[in-house]
mmCIF file of all heavy atoms, coordinates in Angstrom:
data_MODEL
# 
_entry.id   MODEL 
# 
loop_
_atom_site.group_PDB 
_atom_site.id 
_atom_site.type_symbol 
_atom_site.label_atom_id 
_atom_site.label_alt_id 
_atom_site.label_comp_id 
_atom_site.label_asym_id 
_atom_site.label_entity_id 
_atom_site.label_seq_id 
_atom_site.pdbx_PDB_ins_code 
_atom_site.Cartn_x 
_atom_site.Cartn_y 
_atom_site.Cartn_z 
_atom_site.occupancy 
_atom_site.B_iso_or_equiv 
_atom_site.pdbx_formal_charge 
_atom_site.auth_seq_id 
_atom_site.auth_comp_id 
_atom_site.auth_asym_id 
_atom_site.auth_atom_id 
_atom_site.pdbx_PDB_model_num 
ATOM 1   N N   . GLU A 1 1  ? 16.026 -17.996 -0.239  1.00 0.00 ? 1  GLU A N   1 
ATOM 2   C CA  . GLU A 1 1  ? 15.946 -19.415 0.091   1.00 0.00 ? 1  GLU A CA  1 
ATOM 3   C C   . GLU A 1 1  ? 15.802 -20.249 -1.176  1.00 0.00 ? 1  GLU A C   1 
ATOM 4   O O   . GLU A 1 1  ? 15.031 -19.900 -2.076  1.00 0.00 ? 1  GLU A O   1 
ATOM 5   C CB  . GLU A 1 1  ? 14.768 -19.675 1.029   1.00 0.00 ? 1  GLU A CB  1 
ATOM 6   C CG  . GLU A 1 1  ? 14.712 -21.102 1.543   1.00 0.00 ? 1  GLU A CG  1 
ATOM 7   C CD  . GLU A 1 1  ? 13.893 -21.188 2.814   1.00 0.00 ? 1  GLU A CD  1 
ATOM 8   O OE1 . GLU A 1 1  ? 14.308 -20.598 3.830   1.00 0.00 ? 1  GLU A OE1 1 
ATOM 9   O OE2 . GLU A 1 1  ? 12.854 -21.831 2.784   1.00 0.00 ? 1  GLU A OE2 1 
ATOM 10  N N   . GLU A 1 2  ? 16.523 -21.358 -1.242  1.00 0.00 ? 2  GLU A N   1 
ATOM 11  C CA  . GLU A 1 2  ? 16.463 -22.244 -2.394  1.00 0.00 ? 2  GLU A CA  1 
ATOM 12  C C   . GLU A 1 2  ? 15.060 -22.824 -2.533  1.00 0.00 ? 2  GLU A C   1 
ATOM 13  O O   . GLU A 1 2  ? 14.397 -23.145 -1.555  1.00 0.00 ? 2  GLU A O   1 
ATOM 14  C CB  . GLU A 1 2  ? 17.479 -23.377 -2.212  1.00 0.00 ? 2  GLU A CB  1 
ATOM 15  C CG  . GLU A 1 2  ? 17.681 -24.235 -3.445  1.00 0.00 ? 2  GLU A CG  1 
ATOM 16  C CD  . GLU A 1 2  ? 18.775 -25.269 -3.238  1.00 0.00 ? 2  GLU A CD  1 
ATOM 17  O OE1 . GLU A 1 2  ? 19.575 -25.104 -2.298  1.00 0.00 ? 2  GLU A OE1 1 
ATOM 18  O OE2 . GLU A 1 2  ? 18.819 -26.230 -4.017  1.00 0.00 ? 2  GLU A OE2 1 
ATOM 19  N N   . GLY A 1 3  ? 14.612 -22.954 -3.778  1.00 0.00 ? 3  GLY A N   1 
ATOM 20  C CA  . GLY A 1 3  ? 13.303 -23.547 -4.026  1.00 0.00 ? 3  GLY A CA  1 
ATOM 21  C C   . GLY A 1 3  ? 12.149 -22.557 -4.059  1.00 0.00 ? 3  GLY A C   1 
ATOM 22  O O   . GLY A 1 3  ? 10.990 -22.956 -4.166  1.00 0.00 ? 3  GLY A O   1 
ATOM 23  N N   . SER A 1 4  ? 12.448 -21.270 -3.993  1.00 0.00 ? 4  SER A N   1 
ATOM 24  C CA  . SER A 1 4  ? 11.397 -20.253 -4.066  1.00 0.00 ? 4  SER A CA  1 
ATOM 25  C C   . SER A 1 4  ? 11.342 -19.680 -5.482  1.00 0.00 ? 4  SER A C   1 
ATOM 26  O O   . SER A 1 4  ? 12.350 -19.646 -6.181  1.00 0.00 ? 4  SER A O   1 
ATOM 27  C CB  . SER A 1 4  ? 11.681 -19.119 -3.072  1.00 0.00 ? 4  SER A CB  1 
ATOM 28  O OG  . SER A 1 4  ? 11.610 -19.567 -1.752  1.00 0.00 ? 4  SER A OG  1 
ATOM 29  N N   . PRO A 1 5  ? 10.154 -19.216 -5.904  1.00 0.00 ? 5  PRO A N   1 
ATOM 30  C CA  . PRO A 1 5  ? 8.894  -19.190 -5.158  1.00 0.00 ? 5  PRO A CA  1 
ATOM 31  C C   . PRO A 1 5  ? 8.097  -20.477 -5.330  1.00 0.00 ? 5  PRO A C   1 
ATOM 32  O O   . PRO A 1 5  ? 8.315  -21.225 -6.278  1.00 0.00 ? 5  PRO A O   1 
ATOM 33  C CB  . PRO A 1 5  ? 8.161  -18.018 -5.819  1.00 0.00 ? 5  PRO A CB  1 
ATOM 34  C CG  . PRO A 1 5  ? 8.604  -18.077 -7.255  1.00 0.00 ? 5  PRO A CG  1 
ATOM 35  C CD  . PRO A 1 5  ? 10.040 -18.522 -7.215  1.00 0.00 ? 5  PRO A CD  1 
ATOM 36  N N   . VAL A 1 6  ? 7.184  -20.702 -4.407  1.00 0.00 ? 6  VAL A N   1 
ATOM 37  C CA  . VAL A 1 6  ? 6.268  -21.836 -4.496  1.00 0.00 ? 6  VAL A CA  1 
ATOM 38  C C   . VAL A 1 6  ? 4.852  -21.291 -4.632  1.00 0.00 ? 6  VAL A C   1 
ATOM 39  O O   . VAL A 1 6  ? 4.597  -20.111 -4.381  1.00 0.00 ? 6  VAL A O   1 
ATOM 40  C CB  . VAL A 1 6  ? 6.365  -22.750 -3.251  1.00 0.00 ? 6  VAL A CB  1 
ATOM 41  C CG1 . VAL A 1 6  ? 7.754  -23.342 -3.126  1.00 0.00 ? 6  VAL A CG1 1 
ATOM 42  C CG2 . VAL A 1 6  ? 6.009  -21.978 -1.976  1.00 0.00 ? 6  VAL A CG2 1 
ATOM 43  N N   . HIS A 1 7  ? 3.937  -22.147 -5.058  1.00 0.00 ? 7  HIS A N   1 
ATOM 44  C CA  . HIS A 1 7  ? 2.542  -21.733 -5.189  1.00 0.00 ? 7  HIS A CA  1 
ATOM 45  C C   . HIS A 1 7  ? 2.045  -21.138 -3.874  1.00 0.00 ? 7  HIS A C   1 
ATOM 46  O O   . HIS A 1 7  ? 2.264  -21.702 -2.799  1.00 0.00 ? 7  HIS A O   1 
ATOM 47  C CB  . HIS A 1 7  ? 1.667  -22.935 -5.568  1.00 0.00 ? 7  HIS A CB  1 
ATOM 48  C CG  . HIS A 1 7  ? 1.992  -23.507 -6.912  1.00 0.00 ? 7  HIS A CG  1 
ATOM 49  N ND1 . HIS A 1 7  ? 1.939  -24.848 -7.191  1.00 0.00 ? 7  HIS A ND1 1 
ATOM 50  C CD2 . HIS A 1 7  ? 2.390  -22.914 -8.071  1.00 0.00 ? 7  HIS A CD2 1 
ATOM 51  C CE1 . HIS A 1 7  ? 2.286  -25.063 -8.442  1.00 0.00 ? 7  HIS A CE1 1 
ATOM 52  N NE2 . HIS A 1 7  ? 2.563  -23.903 -8.997  1.00 0.00 ? 7  HIS A NE2 1 
ATOM 53  N N   . GLY A 1 8  ? 1.398  -19.989 -3.964  1.00 0.00 ? 8  GLY A N   1 
ATOM 54  C CA  . GLY A 1 8  ? 0.893  -19.316 -2.769  1.00 0.00 ? 8  GLY A CA  1 
ATOM 55  C C   . GLY A 1 8  ? 1.785  -18.207 -2.273  1.00 0.00 ? 8  GLY A C   1 
ATOM 56  O O   . GLY A 1 8  ? 1.375  -17.432 -1.401  1.00 0.00 ? 8  GLY A O   1 
ATOM 57  N N   . ASP A 1 9  ? 2.992  -18.085 -2.813  1.00 0.00 ? 9  ASP A N   1 
ATOM 58  C CA  . ASP A 1 9  ? 3.895  -17.020 -2.380  1.00 0.00 ? 9  ASP A CA  1 
ATOM 59  C C   . ASP A 1 9  ? 3.437  -15.661 -2.904  1.00 0.00 ? 9  ASP A C   1 
ATOM 60  O O   . ASP A 1 9  ? 2.941  -15.539 -4.031  1.00 0.00 ? 9  ASP A O   1 
ATOM 61  C CB  . ASP A 1 9  ? 5.327  -17.289 -2.859  1.00 0.00 ? 9  ASP A CB  1 
ATOM 62  C CG  . ASP A 1 9  ? 6.092  -18.212 -1.926  1.00 0.00 ? 9  ASP A CG  1 
ATOM 63  O OD1 . ASP A 1 9  ? 5.586  -18.480 -0.820  1.00 0.00 ? 9  ASP A OD1 1 
ATOM 64  O OD2 . ASP A 1 9  ? 7.184  -18.668 -2.300  1.00 0.00 ? 9  ASP A OD2 1 
ATOM 65  N N   . VAL A 1 10 ? 3.632  -14.652 -2.070  1.00 0.00 ? 10 VAL A N   1 
ATOM 66  C CA  . VAL A 1 10 ? 3.334  -13.265 -2.436  1.00 0.00 ? 10 VAL A CA  1 
ATOM 67  C C   . VAL A 1 10 ? 4.621  -12.474 -2.256  1.00 0.00 ? 10 VAL A C   1 
ATOM 68  O O   . VAL A 1 10 ? 5.144  -12.349 -1.155  1.00 0.00 ? 10 VAL A O   1 
ATOM 69  C CB  . VAL A 1 10 ? 2.218  -12.686 -1.546  1.00 0.00 ? 10 VAL A CB  1 
ATOM 70  C CG1 . VAL A 1 10 ? 1.985  -11.211 -1.880  1.00 0.00 ? 10 VAL A CG1 1 
ATOM 71  C CG2 . VAL A 1 10 ? 0.930  -13.485 -1.714  1.00 0.00 ? 10 VAL A CG2 1 
ATOM 72  N N   . ILE A 1 11 ? 5.153  -11.957 -3.359  1.00 0.00 ? 11 ILE A N   1 
ATOM 73  C CA  . ILE A 1 11 ? 6.459  -11.292 -3.349  1.00 0.00 ? 11 ILE A CA  1 
ATOM 74  C C   . ILE A 1 11 ? 6.267  -9.811  -3.652  1.00 0.00 ? 11 ILE A C   1 
ATOM 75  O O   . ILE A 1 11 ? 5.664  -9.450  -4.665  1.00 0.00 ? 11 ILE A O   1 
ATOM 76  C CB  . ILE A 1 11 ? 7.410  -11.928 -4.388  1.00 0.00 ? 11 ILE A CB  1 
ATOM 77  C CG1 . ILE A 1 11 ? 7.605  -13.416 -4.095  1.00 0.00 ? 11 ILE A CG1 1 
ATOM 78  C CG2 . ILE A 1 11 ? 8.749  -11.213 -4.396  1.00 0.00 ? 11 ILE A CG2 1 
ATOM 79  C CD1 . ILE A 1 11 ? 6.805  -14.335 -4.980  1.00 0.00 ? 11 ILE A CD1 1 
ATOM 80  N N   . GLU A 1 12 ? 6.787  -8.978  -2.771  1.00 0.00 ? 12 GLU A N   1 
ATOM 81  C CA  . GLU A 1 12 ? 6.720  -7.527  -2.970  1.00 0.00 ? 12 GLU A CA  1 
ATOM 82  C C   . GLU A 1 12 ? 8.084  -7.002  -3.387  1.00 0.00 ? 12 GLU A C   1 
ATOM 83  O O   . GLU A 1 12 ? 9.085  -7.225  -2.704  1.00 0.00 ? 12 GLU A O   1 
ATOM 84  C CB  . GLU A 1 12 ? 6.263  -6.835  -1.688  1.00 0.00 ? 12 GLU A CB  1 
ATOM 85  C CG  . GLU A 1 12 ? 6.192  -5.308  -1.822  1.00 0.00 ? 12 GLU A CG  1 
ATOM 86  C CD  . GLU A 1 12 ? 5.756  -4.618  -0.531  1.00 0.00 ? 12 GLU A CD  1 
ATOM 87  O OE1 . GLU A 1 12 ? 5.112  -5.273  0.318   1.00 0.00 ? 12 GLU A OE1 1 
ATOM 88  O OE2 . GLU A 1 12 ? 6.077  -3.418  -0.376  1.00 0.00 ? 12 GLU A OE2 1 
ATOM 89  N N   . PHE A 1 13 ? 8.138  -6.304  -4.523  1.00 0.00 ? 13 PHE A N   1 
ATOM 90  C CA  . PHE A 1 13 ? 9.320  -5.558  -4.957  1.00 0.00 ? 13 PHE A CA  1 
ATOM 91  C C   . PHE A 1 13 ? 9.159  -4.137  -4.442  1.00 0.00 ? 13 PHE A C   1 
ATOM 92  O O   . PHE A 1 13 ? 8.224  -3.440  -4.848  1.00 0.00 ? 13 PHE A O   1 
ATOM 93  C CB  . PHE A 1 13 ? 9.419  -5.518  -6.483  1.00 0.00 ? 13 PHE A CB  1 
ATOM 94  C CG  . PHE A 1 13 ? 9.884  -6.786  -7.135  1.00 0.00 ? 13 PHE A CG  1 
ATOM 95  C CD1 . PHE A 1 13 ? 10.194 -7.919  -6.406  1.00 0.00 ? 13 PHE A CD1 1 
ATOM 96  C CD2 . PHE A 1 13 ? 10.021 -6.840  -8.522  1.00 0.00 ? 13 PHE A CD2 1 
ATOM 97  C CE1 . PHE A 1 13 ? 10.627 -9.080  -7.019  1.00 0.00 ? 13 PHE A CE1 1 
ATOM 98  C CE2 . PHE A 1 13 ? 10.452 -7.995  -9.146  1.00 0.00 ? 13 PHE A CE2 1 
ATOM 99  C CZ  . PHE A 1 13 ? 10.759 -9.124  -8.403  1.00 0.00 ? 13 PHE A CZ  1 
ATOM 100 N N   . HIS A 1 14 ? 10.059 -3.699  -3.572  1.00 0.00 ? 14 HIS A N   1 
ATOM 101 C CA  . HIS A 1 14 ? 9.921  -2.371  -2.973  1.00 0.00 ? 14 HIS A CA  1 
ATOM 102 C C   . HIS A 1 14 ? 11.174 -1.534  -3.225  1.00 0.00 ? 14 HIS A C   1 
ATOM 103 O O   . HIS A 1 14 ? 12.300 -2.022  -3.076  1.00 0.00 ? 14 HIS A O   1 
ATOM 104 C CB  . HIS A 1 14 ? 9.694  -2.494  -1.456  1.00 0.00 ? 14 HIS A CB  1 
ATOM 105 C CG  . HIS A 1 14 ? 9.458  -1.182  -0.783  1.00 0.00 ? 14 HIS A CG  1 
ATOM 106 N ND1 . HIS A 1 14 ? 8.219  -0.561  -0.769  1.00 0.00 ? 14 HIS A ND1 1 
ATOM 107 C CD2 . HIS A 1 14 ? 10.294 -0.354  -0.110  1.00 0.00 ? 14 HIS A CD2 1 
ATOM 108 C CE1 . HIS A 1 14 ? 8.312  0.580   -0.112  1.00 0.00 ? 14 HIS A CE1 1 
ATOM 109 N NE2 . HIS A 1 14 ? 9.563  0.740   0.301   1.00 0.00 ? 14 HIS A NE2 1 
ATOM 110 N N   . GLY A 1 15 ? 10.976 -0.285  -3.598  1.00 0.00 ? 15 GLY A N   1 
ATOM 111 C CA  . GLY A 1 15 ? 12.106 0.599   -3.793  1.00 0.00 ? 15 GLY A CA  1 
ATOM 112 C C   . GLY A 1 15 ? 11.707 1.868   -4.516  1.00 0.00 ? 15 GLY A C   1 
ATOM 113 O O   . GLY A 1 15 ? 10.600 1.982   -5.049  1.00 0.00 ? 15 GLY A O   1 
ATOM 114 N N   . PRO A 1 16 ? 12.609 2.845   -4.541  1.00 0.00 ? 16 PRO A N   1 
ATOM 115 C CA  . PRO A 1 16 ? 12.332 4.097   -5.250  1.00 0.00 ? 16 PRO A CA  1 
ATOM 116 C C   . PRO A 1 16 ? 12.216 3.858   -6.752  1.00 0.00 ? 16 PRO A C   1 
ATOM 117 O O   . PRO A 1 16 ? 12.610 2.805   -7.267  1.00 0.00 ? 16 PRO A O   1 
ATOM 118 C CB  . PRO A 1 16 ? 13.551 4.974   -4.927  1.00 0.00 ? 16 PRO A CB  1 
ATOM 119 C CG  . PRO A 1 16 ? 14.243 4.296   -3.783  1.00 0.00 ? 16 PRO A CG  1 
ATOM 120 C CD  . PRO A 1 16 ? 13.940 2.852   -3.898  1.00 0.00 ? 16 PRO A CD  1 
ATOM 121 N N   . GLU A 1 17 ? 11.701 4.849   -7.439  1.00 0.00 ? 17 GLU A N   1 
ATOM 122 C CA  . GLU A 1 17 ? 11.634 4.774   -8.898  1.00 0.00 ? 17 GLU A CA  1 
ATOM 123 C C   . GLU A 1 17 ? 13.054 4.736   -9.462  1.00 0.00 ? 17 GLU A C   1 
ATOM 124 O O   . GLU A 1 17 ? 13.975 5.356   -8.943  1.00 0.00 ? 17 GLU A O   1 
ATOM 125 C CB  . GLU A 1 17 ? 10.881 5.999   -9.442  1.00 0.00 ? 17 GLU A CB  1 
ATOM 126 C CG  . GLU A 1 17 ? 10.567 5.929   -10.918 1.00 0.00 ? 17 GLU A CG  1 
ATOM 127 C CD  . GLU A 1 17 ? 9.675  7.069   -11.383 1.00 0.00 ? 17 GLU A CD  1 
ATOM 128 O OE1 . GLU A 1 17 ? 9.255  7.888   -10.536 1.00 0.00 ? 17 GLU A OE1 1 
ATOM 129 O OE2 . GLU A 1 17 ? 9.402  7.136   -12.593 1.00 0.00 ? 17 GLU A OE2 1 
ATOM 130 N N   . GLY A 1 18 ? 13.240 3.961   -10.533 1.00 0.00 ? 18 GLY A N   1 
ATOM 131 C CA  . GLY A 1 18 ? 14.542 3.898   -11.193 1.00 0.00 ? 18 GLY A CA  1 
ATOM 132 C C   . GLY A 1 18 ? 15.535 2.966   -10.549 1.00 0.00 ? 18 GLY A C   1 
ATOM 133 O O   . GLY A 1 18 ? 16.745 3.134   -10.713 1.00 0.00 ? 18 GLY A O   1 
ATOM 134 N N   . THR A 1 19 ? 15.035 1.955   -9.824  1.00 0.00 ? 19 THR A N   1 
ATOM 135 C CA  . THR A 1 19 ? 15.957 1.017   -9.163  1.00 0.00 ? 19 THR A CA  1 
ATOM 136 C C   . THR A 1 19 ? 15.885 -0.386  -9.761  1.00 0.00 ? 19 THR A C   1 
ATOM 137 O O   . THR A 1 19 ? 16.388 -1.339  -9.167  1.00 0.00 ? 19 THR A O   1 
ATOM 138 C CB  . THR A 1 19 ? 15.673 0.948   -7.646  1.00 0.00 ? 19 THR A CB  1 
ATOM 139 O OG1 . THR A 1 19 ? 14.275 0.706   -7.424  1.00 0.00 ? 19 THR A OG1 1 
ATOM 140 C CG2 . THR A 1 19 ? 16.074 2.250   -6.975  1.00 0.00 ? 19 THR A CG2 1 
ATOM 141 N N   . GLY A 1 20 ? 15.249 -0.524  -10.924 1.00 0.00 ? 20 GLY A N   1 
ATOM 142 C CA  . GLY A 1 20 ? 15.293 -1.802  -11.647 1.00 0.00 ? 20 GLY A CA  1 
ATOM 143 C C   . GLY A 1 20 ? 14.122 -2.735  -11.405 1.00 0.00 ? 20 GLY A C   1 
ATOM 144 O O   . GLY A 1 20 ? 14.150 -3.889  -11.862 1.00 0.00 ? 20 GLY A O   1 
ATOM 145 N N   . LYS A 1 21 ? 13.077 -2.280  -10.717 1.00 0.00 ? 21 LYS A N   1 
ATOM 146 C CA  . LYS A 1 21 ? 11.943 -3.170  -10.408 1.00 0.00 ? 21 LYS A CA  1 
ATOM 147 C C   . LYS A 1 21 ? 11.235 -3.644  -11.675 1.00 0.00 ? 21 LYS A C   1 
ATOM 148 O O   . LYS A 1 21 ? 10.972 -4.838  -11.849 1.00 0.00 ? 21 LYS A O   1 
ATOM 149 C CB  . LYS A 1 21 ? 10.953 -2.470  -9.474  1.00 0.00 ? 21 LYS A CB  1 
ATOM 150 C CG  . LYS A 1 21 ? 11.522 -2.060  -8.123  1.00 0.00 ? 21 LYS A CG  1 
ATOM 151 C CD  . LYS A 1 21 ? 10.452 -1.539  -7.185  1.00 0.00 ? 21 LYS A CD  1 
ATOM 152 C CE  . LYS A 1 21 ? 9.724  -0.307  -7.694  1.00 0.00 ? 21 LYS A CE  1 
ATOM 153 N NZ  . LYS A 1 21 ? 10.619 0.878   -7.833  1.00 0.00 ? 21 LYS A NZ  1 
ATOM 154 N N   . THR A 1 22 ? 10.897 -2.702  -12.568 1.00 0.00 ? 22 THR A N   1 
ATOM 155 C CA  . THR A 1 22 ? 10.172 -3.075  -13.780 1.00 0.00 ? 22 THR A CA  1 
ATOM 156 C C   . THR A 1 22 ? 11.056 -3.900  -14.711 1.00 0.00 ? 22 THR A C   1 
ATOM 157 O O   . THR A 1 22 ? 10.577 -4.845  -15.347 1.00 0.00 ? 22 THR A O   1 
ATOM 158 C CB  . THR A 1 22 ? 9.647  -1.816  -14.505 1.00 0.00 ? 22 THR A CB  1 
ATOM 159 O OG1 . THR A 1 22 ? 8.768  -1.099  -13.620 1.00 0.00 ? 22 THR A OG1 1 
ATOM 160 C CG2 . THR A 1 22 ? 8.878  -2.197  -15.754 1.00 0.00 ? 22 THR A CG2 1 
ATOM 161 N N   . GLU A 1 23 ? 12.345 -3.588  -14.791 1.00 0.00 ? 23 GLU A N   1 
ATOM 162 C CA  . GLU A 1 23 ? 13.255 -4.402  -15.605 1.00 0.00 ? 23 GLU A CA  1 
ATOM 163 C C   . GLU A 1 23 ? 13.304 -5.840  -15.085 1.00 0.00 ? 23 GLU A C   1 
ATOM 164 O O   . GLU A 1 23 ? 13.376 -6.795  -15.856 1.00 0.00 ? 23 GLU A O   1 
ATOM 165 C CB  . GLU A 1 23 ? 14.664 -3.800  -15.604 1.00 0.00 ? 23 GLU A CB  1 
ATOM 166 C CG  . GLU A 1 23 ? 14.845 -2.640  -16.545 1.00 0.00 ? 23 GLU A CG  1 
ATOM 167 C CD  . GLU A 1 23 ? 14.856 -3.043  -18.014 1.00 0.00 ? 23 GLU A CD  1 
ATOM 168 O OE1 . GLU A 1 23 ? 15.079 -4.235  -18.314 1.00 0.00 ? 23 GLU A OE1 1 
ATOM 169 O OE2 . GLU A 1 23 ? 14.641 -2.165  -18.869 1.00 0.00 ? 23 GLU A OE2 1 
ATOM 170 N N   . MET A 1 24 ? 13.266 -5.987  -13.767 1.00 0.00 ? 24 MET A N   1 
ATOM 171 C CA  . MET A 1 24 ? 13.257 -7.331  -13.191 1.00 0.00 ? 24 MET A CA  1 
ATOM 172 C C   . MET A 1 24 ? 11.970 -8.057  -13.576 1.00 0.00 ? 24 MET A C   1 
ATOM 173 O O   . MET A 1 24 ? 11.986 -9.276  -13.828 1.00 0.00 ? 24 MET A O   1 
ATOM 174 C CB  . MET A 1 24 ? 13.404 -7.260  -11.669 1.00 0.00 ? 24 MET A CB  1 
ATOM 175 C CG  . MET A 1 24 ? 13.568 -8.624  -10.996 1.00 0.00 ? 24 MET A CG  1 
ATOM 176 S SD  . MET A 1 24 ? 15.071 -9.506  -11.488 1.00 0.00 ? 24 MET A SD  1 
ATOM 177 C CE  . MET A 1 24 ? 16.322 -8.512  -10.639 1.00 0.00 ? 24 MET A CE  1 
ATOM 178 N N   . LEU A 1 25 ? 10.862 -7.332  -13.646 1.00 0.00 ? 25 LEU A N   1 
ATOM 179 C CA  . LEU A 1 25 ? 9.611  -7.953  -14.071 1.00 0.00 ? 25 LEU A CA  1 
ATOM 180 C C   . LEU A 1 25 ? 9.702  -8.431  -15.518 1.00 0.00 ? 25 LEU A C   1 
ATOM 181 O O   . LEU A 1 25 ? 9.231  -9.531  -15.847 1.00 0.00 ? 25 LEU A O   1 
ATOM 182 C CB  . LEU A 1 25 ? 8.444  -6.972  -13.913 1.00 0.00 ? 25 LEU A CB  1 
ATOM 183 C CG  . LEU A 1 25 ? 8.075  -6.584  -12.479 1.00 0.00 ? 25 LEU A CG  1 
ATOM 184 C CD1 . LEU A 1 25 ? 6.909  -5.602  -12.481 1.00 0.00 ? 25 LEU A CD1 1 
ATOM 185 C CD2 . LEU A 1 25 ? 7.737  -7.806  -11.642 1.00 0.00 ? 25 LEU A CD2 1 
ATOM 186 N N   . TYR A 1 26 ? 10.300 -7.631  -16.410 1.00 0.00 ? 26 TYR A N   1 
ATOM 187 C CA  . TYR A 1 26 ? 10.500 -8.082  -17.795 1.00 0.00 ? 26 TYR A CA  1 
ATOM 188 C C   . TYR A 1 26 ? 11.341 -9.356  -17.821 1.00 0.00 ? 26 TYR A C   1 
ATOM 189 O O   . TYR A 1 26 ? 11.083 -10.277 -18.607 1.00 0.00 ? 26 TYR A O   1 
ATOM 190 C CB  . TYR A 1 26 ? 11.181 -6.996  -18.635 1.00 0.00 ? 26 TYR A CB  1 
ATOM 191 C CG  . TYR A 1 26 ? 10.384 -5.727  -18.820 1.00 0.00 ? 26 TYR A CG  1 
ATOM 192 C CD1 . TYR A 1 26 ? 11.015 -4.487  -18.873 1.00 0.00 ? 26 TYR A CD1 1 
ATOM 193 C CD2 . TYR A 1 26 ? 9.007  -5.762  -18.934 1.00 0.00 ? 26 TYR A CD2 1 
ATOM 194 C CE1 . TYR A 1 26 ? 10.292 -3.318  -19.042 1.00 0.00 ? 26 TYR A CE1 1 
ATOM 195 C CE2 . TYR A 1 26 ? 8.265  -4.600  -19.098 1.00 0.00 ? 26 TYR A CE2 1 
ATOM 196 C CZ  . TYR A 1 26 ? 8.917  -3.379  -19.153 1.00 0.00 ? 26 TYR A CZ  1 
ATOM 197 O OH  . TYR A 1 26 ? 8.194  -2.220  -19.313 1.00 0.00 ? 26 TYR A OH  1 
ATOM 198 N N   . HIS A 1 27 ? 12.350 -9.404  -16.983 1.00 0.00 ? 27 HIS A N   1 
ATOM 199 C CA  . HIS A 1 27 ? 13.222 -10.569 -16.877 1.00 0.00 ? 27 HIS A CA  1 
ATOM 200 C C   . HIS A 1 27 ? 12.418 -11.809 -16.486 1.00 0.00 ? 27 HIS A C   1 
ATOM 201 O O   . HIS A 1 27 ? 12.556 -12.884 -17.094 1.00 0.00 ? 27 HIS A O   1 
ATOM 202 C CB  . HIS A 1 27 ? 14.312 -10.287 -15.837 1.00 0.00 ? 27 HIS A CB  1 
ATOM 203 C CG  . HIS A 1 27 ? 15.178 -11.447 -15.485 1.00 0.00 ? 27 HIS A CG  1 
ATOM 204 N ND1 . HIS A 1 27 ? 16.083 -12.012 -16.363 1.00 0.00 ? 27 HIS A ND1 1 
ATOM 205 C CD2 . HIS A 1 27 ? 15.274 -12.169 -14.334 1.00 0.00 ? 27 HIS A CD2 1 
ATOM 206 C CE1 . HIS A 1 27 ? 16.704 -13.028 -15.772 1.00 0.00 ? 27 HIS A CE1 1 
ATOM 207 N NE2 . HIS A 1 27 ? 16.227 -13.141 -14.544 1.00 0.00 ? 27 HIS A NE2 1 
# 
């Protein structure tokens, strides 16, 4: 959705190891 995230949002990155979650965090 456009305009996300907003204050108060809780976002979960879910997936197996090696699917780019930590790289996305560096980004």
